[in-house]
Amino acid sequence: MKLVCIGDSLTYGYGVSSKFSWVELLKTHFNMDVINKGINGDTTSGILSRSYRDVICEKPNYVIIMAGTNDILMDYPLMLIKDNIELLIKEAKENNIIPIIALQPPIIGELAKIYWDSEINYERINLNLSAYITWLKSLKVTFINFYDEFLNKNNIKSLYSDGIHPNAEGHKLMFDIVAKLEIYNLEH
């Protein structure tokens, strides 16, 4: 069994030691080969352009796709993001790979203004992210809901290093959420 996790910095584990990233923690939990194909700063277009090499050529049983935050931060059209995600899902299915969509954690604008970029309108970003998450939930695929799990935490700020990227505690929560998935029982 093999699992590829493809995405941006949220998959890569930006800001934490690699041994604390949620993907690395999965390697010790699931009895399968887990490959991290997260790239800092990547967009859905970038992920789509490398999906053949980074996913299809690896011949995994499963792929966890988490992407869109950078697109939204760069104010890319939501339709472009949706089209790219649909193509990633289609490509996986056509190659007998079970796609799993991860709904990325929300952005904490109050922290991001301090630690990331003070010029971005995070209220608007979060409205777009929320609309995107709602759309992702409507897809006919298995998904991992980091978004709602983070929002339901009373201490949500303590899960972030900069309002965008989870810290080690946030990555542990992400791992716990994925570990609950009965990945071996998922159907095409």
C-alpha atoms as a PDB file:
ATOM      1  CA  MET A   1       0.000   0.000   0.000  1.00  0.00           C
ATOM      2  CA  LYS A   2       1.199   3.460  -0.877  1.00  0.00           C
ATOM      3  CA  LEU A   3      -0.101   6.954  -0.104  1.00  0.00           C
ATOM      4  CA  VAL A   4       1.069  10.186  -1.747  1.00  0.00           C
ATOM      5  CA  CYS A   5       0.254  13.489  -0.037  1.00  0.00           C
ATOM      6  CA  ILE A   6       0.411  16.350  -2.544  1.00  0.00           C
ATOM      7  CA  GLY A   7      -0.077  20.022  -1.824  1.00  0.00           C
ATOM      8  CA  ASP A   8       1.588  23.202  -0.701  1.00  0.00           C
ATOM      9  CA  SER A   9       3.325  24.270   2.530  1.00  0.00           C
ATOM     10  CA  LEU A  10       0.473  22.861   4.625  1.00  0.00           C
ATOM     11  CA  THR A  11       1.404  19.410   3.289  1.00  0.00           C
ATOM     12  CA  TYR A  12       5.147  20.032   3.218  1.00  0.00           C
ATOM     13  CA  GLY A  13       5.169  21.060   6.874  1.00  0.00           C
ATOM     14  CA  TYR A  14       6.421  24.651   6.601  1.00  0.00           C
ATOM     15  CA  GLY A  15       7.590  26.039   9.921  1.00  0.00           C
ATOM     16  CA  VAL A  16       7.958  22.752  11.814  1.00  0.00           C
ATOM     17  CA  SER A  17      10.698  20.168  11.993  1.00  0.00           C
ATOM     18  CA  SER A  18       9.915  17.503   9.384  1.00  0.00           C
ATOM     19  CA  LYS A  19       9.540  14.876  12.102  1.00  0.00           C
ATOM     20  CA  PHE A  20       6.565  16.852  13.485  1.00  0.00           C
ATOM     21  CA  SER A  21       4.688  17.357  10.195  1.00  0.00           C
ATOM     22  CA  TRP A  22       1.364  15.540   9.909  1.00  0.00           C
ATOM     23  CA  VAL A  23       2.588  13.619   6.848  1.00  0.00           C
ATOM     24  CA  GLU A  24       5.721  12.427   8.624  1.00  0.00           C
ATOM     25  CA  LEU A  25       3.639  11.369  11.631  1.00  0.00           C
ATOM     26  CA  LEU A  26       1.466   9.297   9.254  1.00  0.00           C
ATOM     27  CA  LYS A  27       4.537   7.355   8.154  1.00  0.00           C
ATOM     28  CA  THR A  28       4.854   5.931  11.644  1.00  0.00           C
ATOM     29  CA  HIS A  29       1.125   5.223  11.987  1.00  0.00           C
ATOM     30  CA  PHE A  30      -0.037   3.563   8.775  1.00  0.00           C
ATOM     31  CA  ASN A  31       1.556   0.349   7.633  1.00  0.00           C
ATOM     32  CA  MET A  32       2.191   1.738   4.152  1.00  0.00           C
ATOM     33  CA  ASP A  33       4.633   3.808   2.172  1.00  0.00           C
ATOM     34  CA  VAL A  34       3.761   7.502   2.727  1.00  0.00           C
ATOM     35  CA  ILE A  35       5.340  10.056   0.378  1.00  0.00           C
ATOM     36  CA  ASN A  36       5.263  13.814   1.010  1.00  0.00           C
ATOM     37  CA  LYS A  37       4.964  15.803  -2.233  1.00  0.00           C
ATOM     38  CA  GLY A  38       4.156  19.129  -0.601  1.00  0.00           C
ATOM     39  CA  ILE A  39       5.987  22.177  -1.983  1.00  0.00           C
ATOM     40  CA  ASN A  40       6.029  25.518  -0.164  1.00  0.00           C
ATOM     41  CA  GLY A  41       4.155  28.231  -2.045  1.00  0.00           C
ATOM     42  CA  ASP A  42       2.578  25.894  -4.603  1.00  0.00           C
ATOM     43  CA  THR A  43      -0.795  26.555  -6.216  1.00  0.00           C
ATOM     44  CA  THR A  44      -3.401  24.229  -7.681  1.00  0.00           C
ATOM     45  CA  SER A  45      -1.989  24.974 -11.158  1.00  0.00           C
ATOM     46  CA  GLY A  46       1.513  24.041 -10.009  1.00  0.00           C
ATOM     47  CA  ILE A  47       0.241  20.865  -8.383  1.00  0.00           C
ATOM     48  CA  LEU A  48      -1.683  19.957 -11.518  1.00  0.00           C
ATOM     49  CA  SER A  49       1.433  20.488 -13.642  1.00  0.00           C
ATOM     50  CA  ARG A  50       3.466  18.086 -11.496  1.00  0.00           C
ATOM     51  CA  SER A  51       0.767  15.559 -10.604  1.00  0.00           C
ATOM     52  CA  TYR A  52       1.774  13.091 -13.320  1.00  0.00           C
ATOM     53  CA  ARG A  53       5.362  12.939 -12.058  1.00  0.00           C
ATOM     54  CA  ASP A  54       4.612  13.287  -8.338  1.00  0.00           C
ATOM     55  CA  VAL A  55       1.470  11.147  -8.116  1.00  0.00           C
ATOM     56  CA  ILE A  56       0.749   8.988 -11.175  1.00  0.00           C
ATOM     57  CA  CYS A  57       4.351   7.814 -11.666  1.00  0.00           C
ATOM     58  CA  GLU A  58       4.541   6.835  -7.978  1.00  0.00           C
ATOM     59  CA  LYS A  59       1.592   4.435  -8.517  1.00  0.00           C
ATOM     60  CA  PRO A  60       0.029   4.943  -5.072  1.00  0.00           C
ATOM     61  CA  ASN A  61      -3.200   3.362  -3.893  1.00  0.00           C
ATOM     62  CA  TYR A  62      -4.308   6.711  -2.430  1.00  0.00           C
ATOM     63  CA  VAL A  63      -3.541  10.391  -2.895  1.00  0.00           C
ATOM     64  CA  ILE A  64      -4.396  13.087  -0.356  1.00  0.00           C
ATOM     65  CA  ILE A  65      -4.773  16.394  -2.189  1.00  0.00           C
ATOM     66  CA  MET A  66      -4.704  19.609  -0.158  1.00  0.00           C
ATOM     67  CA  ALA A  67      -4.423  22.784  -2.192  1.00  0.00           C
ATOM     68  CA  GLY A  68      -5.955  26.175  -2.786  1.00  0.00           C
ATOM     69  CA  THR A  69      -4.812  28.352   0.098  1.00  0.00           C
ATOM     70  CA  ASN A  70      -2.045  30.026  -1.926  1.00  0.00           C
ATOM     71  CA  ASP A  71      -4.395  30.473  -4.898  1.00  0.00           C
ATOM     72  CA  ILE A  72      -6.863  32.237  -2.619  1.00  0.00           C
ATOM     73  CA  LEU A  73      -4.134  34.353  -0.997  1.00  0.00           C
ATOM     74  CA  MET A  74      -3.037  35.392  -4.530  1.00  0.00           C
ATOM     75  CA  ASP A  75      -6.655  36.217  -5.441  1.00  0.00           C
ATOM     76  CA  TYR A  76      -6.888  33.624  -8.222  1.00  0.00           C
ATOM     77  CA  PRO A  77     -10.410  33.043  -9.532  1.00  0.00           C
ATOM     78  CA  LEU A  78     -12.318  30.397  -7.599  1.00  0.00           C
ATOM     79  CA  MET A  79     -13.384  28.795 -10.901  1.00  0.00           C
ATOM     80  CA  LEU A  80      -9.719  28.166 -11.826  1.00  0.00           C
ATOM     81  CA  ILE A  81      -9.059  26.553  -8.446  1.00  0.00           C
ATOM     82  CA  LYS A  82     -12.148  24.346  -8.770  1.00  0.00           C
ATOM     83  CA  ASP A  83     -11.232  23.296 -12.323  1.00  0.00           C
ATOM     84  CA  ASN A  84      -7.728  22.314 -11.196  1.00  0.00           C
ATOM     85  CA  ILE A  85      -9.034  20.262  -8.257  1.00  0.00           C
ATOM     86  CA  GLU A  86     -11.550  18.483 -10.495  1.00  0.00           C
ATOM     87  CA  LEU A  87      -8.762  17.636 -12.962  1.00  0.00           C
ATOM     88  CA  LEU A  88      -6.555  16.292 -10.152  1.00  0.00           C
ATOM     89  CA  ILE A  89      -9.390  14.060  -8.941  1.00  0.00           C
ATOM     90  CA  LYS A  90     -10.189  12.876 -12.473  1.00  0.00           C
ATOM     91  CA  GLU A  91      -6.535  12.089 -13.210  1.00  0.00           C
ATOM     92  CA  ALA A  92      -6.211  10.080 -10.007  1.00  0.00           C
ATOM     93  CA  LYS A  93      -9.375   8.080 -10.681  1.00  0.00           C
ATOM     94  CA  GLU A  94      -8.369   7.395 -14.287  1.00  0.00           C
ATOM     95  CA  ASN A  95      -5.158   5.871 -12.934  1.00  0.00           C
ATOM     96  CA  ASN A  96      -6.910   3.728 -10.294  1.00  0.00           C
ATOM     97  CA  ILE A  97      -5.738   5.935  -7.451  1.00  0.00           C
ATOM     98  CA  ILE A  98      -8.273   6.761  -4.738  1.00  0.00           C
ATOM     99  CA  PRO A  99      -8.348  10.562  -4.291  1.00  0.00           C
ATOM    100  CA  ILE A 100      -8.918  12.007  -0.835  1.00  0.00           C
ATOM    101  CA  ILE A 101      -9.432  15.752  -0.548  1.00  0.00           C
ATOM    102  CA  ALA A 102      -8.113  17.480   2.565  1.00  0.00           C
ATOM    103  CA  LEU A 103      -9.969  20.634   3.587  1.00  0.00           C
ATOM    104  CA  GLN A 104      -7.177  22.922   4.734  1.00  0.00           C
ATOM    105  CA  PRO A 105      -7.242  24.685   8.094  1.00  0.00           C
ATOM    106  CA  PRO A 106      -8.725  28.191   8.181  1.00  0.00           C
ATOM    107  CA  ILE A 107      -6.556  31.290   8.225  1.00  0.00           C
ATOM    108  CA  ILE A 108      -6.370  33.275  11.459  1.00  0.00           C
ATOM    109  CA  GLY A 109      -6.239  36.800  10.065  1.00  0.00           C
ATOM    110  CA  GLU A 110      -5.354  38.408  13.387  1.00  0.00           C
ATOM    111  CA  LEU A 111      -2.123  36.355  13.554  1.00  0.00           C
ATOM    112  CA  ALA A 112      -1.403  36.436   9.810  1.00  0.00           C
ATOM    113  CA  LYS A 113      -1.484  40.256   9.843  1.00  0.00           C
ATOM    114  CA  ILE A 114       1.274  40.215  12.469  1.00  0.00           C
ATOM    115  CA  TYR A 115       3.423  37.292  11.348  1.00  0.00           C
ATOM    116  CA  TRP A 116       2.788  36.950   7.619  1.00  0.00           C
ATOM    117  CA  ASP A 117       1.589  39.927   5.552  1.00  0.00           C
ATOM    118  CA  SER A 118      -0.139  42.958   7.070  1.00  0.00           C
ATOM    119  CA  GLU A 119      -1.434  44.211   3.691  1.00  0.00           C
ATOM    120  CA  ILE A 120      -3.741  41.271   2.906  1.00  0.00           C
ATOM    121  CA  ASN A 121      -7.478  41.530   3.596  1.00  0.00           C
ATOM    122  CA  TYR A 122      -7.820  38.282   5.546  1.00  0.00           C
ATOM    123  CA  GLU A 123     -11.535  38.776   6.115  1.00  0.00           C
ATOM    124  CA  ARG A 124     -12.093  38.595   2.337  1.00  0.00           C
ATOM    125  CA  ILE A 125      -9.606  35.724   2.065  1.00  0.00           C
ATOM    126  CA  ASN A 126     -11.522  33.742   4.690  1.00  0.00           C
ATOM    127  CA  LEU A 127     -14.836  34.383   2.906  1.00  0.00           C
ATOM    128  CA  ASN A 128     -13.308  32.979  -0.297  1.00  0.00           C
ATOM    129  CA  LEU A 129     -11.744  30.072   1.601  1.00  0.00           C
ATOM    130  CA  SER A 130     -15.082  29.282   3.233  1.00  0.00           C
ATOM    131  CA  ALA A 131     -16.849  29.281  -0.169  1.00  0.00           C
ATOM    132  CA  TYR A 132     -14.113  26.997  -1.527  1.00  0.00           C
ATOM    133  CA  ILE A 133     -14.425  24.619   1.448  1.00  0.00           C
ATOM    134  CA  THR A 134     -18.209  24.477   0.977  1.00  0.00           C
ATOM    135  CA  TRP A 135     -17.673  23.549  -2.674  1.00  0.00           C
ATOM    136  CA  LEU A 136     -15.073  20.878  -1.768  1.00  0.00           C
ATOM    137  CA  LYS A 137     -17.565  19.296   0.642  1.00  0.00           C
ATOM    138  CA  SER A 138     -20.011  18.899  -2.257  1.00  0.00           C
ATOM    139  CA  LEU A 139     -17.617  16.711  -4.258  1.00  0.00           C
ATOM    140  CA  LYS A 140     -18.297  12.985  -4.446  1.00  0.00           C
ATOM    141  CA  VAL A 141     -14.982  11.977  -2.865  1.00  0.00           C
ATOM    142  CA  THR A 142     -13.716  11.127   0.582  1.00  0.00           C
ATOM    143  CA  PHE A 143     -12.452  14.186   2.404  1.00  0.00           C
ATOM    144  CA  ILE A 144     -10.492  14.983   5.535  1.00  0.00           C
ATOM    145  CA  ASN A 145     -11.967  17.966   7.345  1.00  0.00           C
ATOM    146  CA  PHE A 146      -9.094  19.910   8.907  1.00  0.00           C
ATOM    147  CA  TYR A 147     -11.075  23.119   8.369  1.00  0.00           C
ATOM    148  CA  ASP A 148     -13.997  22.411  10.702  1.00  0.00           C
ATOM    149  CA  GLU A 149     -11.862  20.510  13.225  1.00  0.00           C
ATOM    150  CA  PHE A 150      -9.613  23.576  13.637  1.00  0.00           C
ATOM    151  CA  LEU A 151     -12.593  25.970  13.791  1.00  0.00           C
ATOM    152  CA  ASN A 152     -14.153  23.880  16.559  1.00  0.00           C
ATOM    153  CA  LYS A 153     -11.110  24.278  18.828  1.00  0.00           C
ATOM    154  CA  ASN A 154     -11.368  26.841  21.610  1.00  0.00           C
ATOM    155  CA  ASN A 155      -7.612  27.407  21.495  1.00  0.00           C
ATOM    156  CA  ILE A 156      -7.367  27.728  17.707  1.00  0.00           C
ATOM    157  CA  LYS A 157      -4.656  30.429  17.823  1.00  0.00           C
ATOM    158  CA  SER A 158      -2.379  28.062  19.753  1.00  0.00           C
ATOM    159  CA  LEU A 159      -2.369  25.710  16.731  1.00  0.00           C
ATOM    160  CA  TYR A 160      -0.599  28.195  14.410  1.00  0.00           C
ATOM    161  CA  SER A 161       2.880  29.620  14.021  1.00  0.00           C
ATOM    162  CA  ASP A 162       1.777  32.584  11.878  1.00  0.00           C
ATOM    163  CA  GLY A 163      -1.972  32.424  11.308  1.00  0.00           C
ATOM    164  CA  ILE A 164      -1.590  30.443   8.069  1.00  0.00           C
ATOM    165  CA  HIS A 165       0.718  27.557   8.944  1.00  0.00           C
ATOM    166  CA  PRO A 166       0.063  25.142  11.804  1.00  0.00           C
ATOM    167  CA  ASN A 167       2.753  24.697  14.451  1.00  0.00           C
ATOM    168  CA  ALA A 168       3.746  21.284  15.858  1.00  0.00           C
ATOM    169  CA  GLU A 169       0.562  21.147  17.954  1.00  0.00           C
ATOM    170  CA  GLY A 170      -1.517  21.934  14.843  1.00  0.00           C
ATOM    171  CA  HIS A 171       0.278  19.232  12.859  1.00  0.00           C
ATOM    172  CA  LYS A 172      -0.382  16.739  15.655  1.00  0.00           C
ATOM    173  CA  LEU A 173      -4.083  17.585  15.429  1.00  0.00           C
ATOM    174  CA  MET A 174      -3.971  17.138  11.633  1.00  0.00           C
ATOM    175  CA  PHE A 175      -2.292  13.749  12.090  1.00  0.00           C
ATOM    176  CA  ASP A 176      -4.940  12.714  14.648  1.00  0.00           C
ATOM    177  CA  ILE A 177      -7.701  13.634  12.179  1.00  0.00           C
ATOM    178  CA  VAL A 178      -6.135  11.637   9.321  1.00  0.00           C
ATOM    179  CA  ALA A 179      -5.276   8.698  11.590  1.00  0.00           C
ATOM    180  CA  LYS A 180      -9.005   8.268  12.305  1.00  0.00           C
ATOM    181  CA  LEU A 181      -9.573   7.493   8.621  1.00  0.00           C
ATOM    182  CA  GLU A 182      -9.884   3.816   7.948  1.00  0.00           C
ATOM    183  CA  ILE A 183      -7.804   4.197   4.841  1.00  0.00           C
ATOM    184  CA  TYR A 184      -7.754   0.491   4.038  1.00  0.00           C
ATOM    185  CA  ASN A 185     -11.545   0.361   3.856  1.00  0.00           C
ATOM    186  CA  LEU A 186     -12.021   3.206   1.382  1.00  0.00           C
ATOM    187  CA  GLU A 187     -13.654   2.309  -1.915  1.00  0.00           C
ATOM    188  CA  HIS A 188     -13.088   3.753  -5.402  1.00  0.00           C
END
